[in-house]
N, C-alpha and C. Protein backbone atom coordinates (compact mmCIF):
# COMPACT_ATOMS: atom_id res chain seq x y z
N UNK A 1 -10.72 -0.08 16.90
CA UNK A 1 -9.44 -0.42 16.14
C UNK A 1 -8.36 -0.38 17.12
N UNK A 2 -7.54 -1.15 17.25
CA UNK A 2 -6.33 -1.11 18.21
C UNK A 2 -5.29 -1.47 17.33
N UNK A 3 -3.94 -1.07 17.82
CA UNK A 3 -2.65 -1.24 17.20
C UNK A 3 -2.34 -2.60 17.57
N UNK A 4 -1.54 -3.30 16.66
CA UNK A 4 -1.35 -4.80 16.87
C UNK A 4 0.13 -4.88 16.67
N UNK A 5 0.87 -5.47 17.82
CA UNK A 5 2.34 -5.56 17.79
C UNK A 5 2.66 -6.37 16.69
N UNK A 6 3.87 -6.31 15.77
CA UNK A 6 4.18 -7.17 14.88
C UNK A 6 4.76 -8.44 15.42
N UNK A 7 5.10 -8.44 16.58
CA UNK A 7 5.60 -9.52 17.08
C UNK A 7 4.51 -10.65 17.55
N UNK A 8 3.25 -10.01 17.78
CA UNK A 8 2.28 -10.87 17.86
C UNK A 8 1.36 -11.53 16.92
N UNK A 9 1.17 -10.56 15.86
CA UNK A 9 0.59 -11.01 14.50
C UNK A 9 0.77 -10.21 13.52
N UNK A 10 0.76 -10.65 12.28
CA UNK A 10 1.04 -9.94 11.19
C UNK A 10 -0.34 -9.75 10.31
N UNK A 11 -0.38 -8.95 9.42
CA UNK A 11 -1.62 -8.90 8.47
C UNK A 11 -1.57 -9.88 7.23
N UNK A 12 -2.80 -10.08 6.74
CA UNK A 12 -2.94 -11.26 5.70
C UNK A 12 -2.03 -10.81 4.60
N UNK A 13 -1.57 -11.45 3.66
CA UNK A 13 -0.63 -11.27 2.59
C UNK A 13 -1.52 -10.24 1.64
N UNK A 14 -0.87 -9.43 1.24
CA UNK A 14 -1.41 -8.37 0.43
C UNK A 14 -2.25 -7.21 0.85
N UNK A 15 -2.40 -7.38 2.23
CA UNK A 15 -3.37 -6.41 3.02
C UNK A 15 -2.91 -5.06 3.04
N UNK A 16 -3.52 -4.03 2.81
CA UNK A 16 -3.08 -2.65 3.04
C UNK A 16 -3.39 -2.43 4.62
N UNK A 17 -2.38 -1.85 5.38
CA UNK A 17 -2.74 -1.36 6.64
C UNK A 17 -1.94 -0.13 6.88
N UNK A 18 -2.25 0.23 8.11
CA UNK A 18 -1.36 1.36 8.65
C UNK A 18 -0.26 0.81 9.45
N UNK A 19 0.84 1.32 9.19
CA UNK A 19 2.10 1.05 9.96
C UNK A 19 2.65 2.01 10.85
N UNK A 20 2.94 1.68 12.04
CA UNK A 20 3.64 2.90 13.07
C UNK A 20 5.15 2.29 13.23
N UNK A 21 5.94 3.39 12.91
CA UNK A 21 7.55 3.29 13.24
C UNK A 21 8.09 4.27 13.55
N UNK A 22 8.80 4.53 14.68
CA UNK A 22 9.76 5.60 15.08
C UNK A 22 8.68 6.88 14.94
N UNK A 23 7.60 6.83 15.54
CA UNK A 23 6.81 7.89 15.79
C UNK A 23 6.00 8.31 14.46
N UNK A 24 6.06 7.70 13.33
CA UNK A 24 5.39 7.97 12.26
C UNK A 24 4.44 6.82 11.79
N UNK A 25 3.24 7.40 10.89
CA UNK A 25 2.27 6.26 10.62
C UNK A 25 2.44 6.31 8.98
N UNK A 26 2.43 5.12 8.55
CA UNK A 26 2.45 5.16 7.02
C UNK A 26 1.15 4.03 6.49
N UNK A 27 0.81 4.37 5.27
CA UNK A 27 -0.25 3.39 4.68
C UNK A 27 0.79 2.52 4.05
N UNK A 28 0.81 1.14 4.26
CA UNK A 28 1.66 0.27 3.66
C UNK A 28 0.82 -1.07 3.06
N UNK A 29 1.55 -1.95 2.48
CA UNK A 29 0.82 -3.11 2.13
C UNK A 29 2.05 -4.30 2.58
N UNK A 30 1.41 -5.28 3.22
CA UNK A 30 2.19 -6.49 3.71
C UNK A 30 2.24 -7.57 2.66
N UNK A 31 3.41 -7.76 2.38
CA UNK A 31 3.77 -8.81 1.47
C UNK A 31 4.41 -10.01 2.04
N UNK A 32 3.89 -11.29 2.12
CA UNK A 32 4.49 -12.52 2.63
C UNK A 32 5.02 -13.34 1.51
N UNK A 33 6.08 -14.09 1.83
CA UNK A 33 6.59 -15.04 0.82
C UNK A 33 5.74 -16.36 1.11
N UNK A 34 5.38 -17.09 0.09
CA UNK A 34 4.56 -18.32 0.18
C UNK A 34 5.56 -19.56 0.68
N UNK A 35 6.76 -19.37 0.48
CA UNK A 35 7.67 -20.35 0.78
C UNK A 35 7.94 -20.58 2.15
N UNK A 36 8.40 -19.59 2.79
CA UNK A 36 8.73 -19.72 4.40
C UNK A 36 7.90 -18.68 5.17
N UNK A 37 7.03 -17.97 4.64
CA UNK A 37 6.04 -17.17 5.19
C UNK A 37 6.86 -15.90 5.95
N UNK A 38 7.94 -15.61 5.66
CA UNK A 38 8.60 -14.38 5.79
C UNK A 38 8.03 -13.34 4.99
N UNK A 39 7.87 -12.01 5.47
CA UNK A 39 7.25 -11.18 4.79
C UNK A 39 7.87 -9.62 5.10
N UNK A 40 7.34 -8.67 4.44
CA UNK A 40 7.92 -7.39 4.59
C UNK A 40 6.62 -6.33 4.40
N UNK A 41 6.76 -5.16 4.86
CA UNK A 41 5.91 -3.82 4.66
C UNK A 41 6.39 -3.03 3.52
N UNK A 42 5.67 -2.77 2.54
CA UNK A 42 6.01 -1.90 1.47
C UNK A 42 5.17 -0.81 1.54
N UNK A 43 6.14 0.57 1.63
CA UNK A 43 5.43 1.79 1.58
C UNK A 43 5.93 2.60 0.47
N UNK A 44 5.26 2.20 -0.53
CA UNK A 44 5.44 2.96 -1.97
C UNK A 44 7.01 3.02 -2.39
N UNK A 45 7.57 1.84 -2.57
CA UNK A 45 8.65 1.48 -3.13
C UNK A 45 9.86 1.64 -2.04
N UNK A 46 9.51 1.72 -0.79
CA UNK A 46 10.18 1.54 0.48
C UNK A 46 9.95 0.54 1.27
N UNK A 47 10.76 -0.30 1.68
CA UNK A 47 10.44 -1.27 2.68
C UNK A 47 10.78 -1.02 4.04
N UNK A 48 9.88 -1.15 4.94
CA UNK A 48 10.24 -0.78 6.44
C UNK A 48 9.80 -1.95 7.31
N UNK A 49 10.14 -1.69 8.58
CA UNK A 49 9.71 -2.81 9.59
C UNK A 49 8.92 -1.84 10.73
N UNK A 50 7.50 -1.94 10.69
CA UNK A 50 6.96 -1.16 11.65
C UNK A 50 6.90 -2.01 12.88
N UNK A 51 6.80 -1.47 14.12
CA UNK A 51 6.62 -1.97 15.37
C UNK A 51 5.11 -2.38 15.44
N UNK A 52 4.12 -1.67 15.07
CA UNK A 52 2.82 -1.99 15.16
C UNK A 52 2.00 -1.69 13.78
N UNK A 53 0.81 -2.32 13.54
CA UNK A 53 -0.03 -2.13 12.42
C UNK A 53 -1.44 -2.23 12.86
N UNK A 54 -2.31 -1.66 12.04
CA UNK A 54 -3.60 -1.53 12.24
C UNK A 54 -4.39 -1.64 11.02
N UNK A 55 -5.53 -2.26 10.98
CA UNK A 55 -6.24 -2.37 9.81
C UNK A 55 -6.72 -0.84 9.29
N UNK A 56 -6.92 -0.69 7.99
CA UNK A 56 -7.34 0.62 7.41
C UNK A 56 -8.92 0.80 7.98
N UNK A 57 -9.34 1.97 8.31
CA UNK A 57 -10.63 2.19 8.53
C UNK A 57 -11.65 2.17 7.34
N UNK A 58 -13.01 1.87 7.45
CA UNK A 58 -13.67 1.86 6.23
C UNK A 58 -13.77 3.16 5.52
N UNK A 59 -14.14 3.21 4.27
CA UNK A 59 -14.32 4.29 3.56
C UNK A 59 -15.65 5.03 3.88
N UNK A 60 -15.63 6.40 4.04
CA UNK A 60 -16.93 7.30 4.30
C UNK A 60 -18.02 6.84 3.38
N UNK A 61 -19.20 6.86 3.81
CA UNK A 61 -20.37 6.74 3.06
C UNK A 61 -20.88 8.16 2.39
N UNK A 62 -20.95 8.07 1.03
CA UNK A 62 -21.57 9.14 0.46
C UNK A 62 -23.06 9.44 0.72
N UNK A 63 -23.34 10.68 0.69
CA UNK A 63 -24.88 10.94 0.82
C UNK A 63 -25.24 10.90 -0.86
N UNK A 64 -26.69 10.46 -0.72
CA UNK A 64 -27.21 10.10 -1.95
C UNK A 64 -27.54 11.60 -2.60
């Protein structure tokens, strides 16, 4: 997985991703407006604008 510049592409509406901003990484959700497709990244009641984002890795598999 590689980091994606927010100027190049944005996540799907409602998708949880990793966001990178000012040297920190956050788990956040991208929320887009259906009317004008403007969106924001929500990090637990805080809105921020990351420079890059990345899909979350898959969950680990449990041993039976």
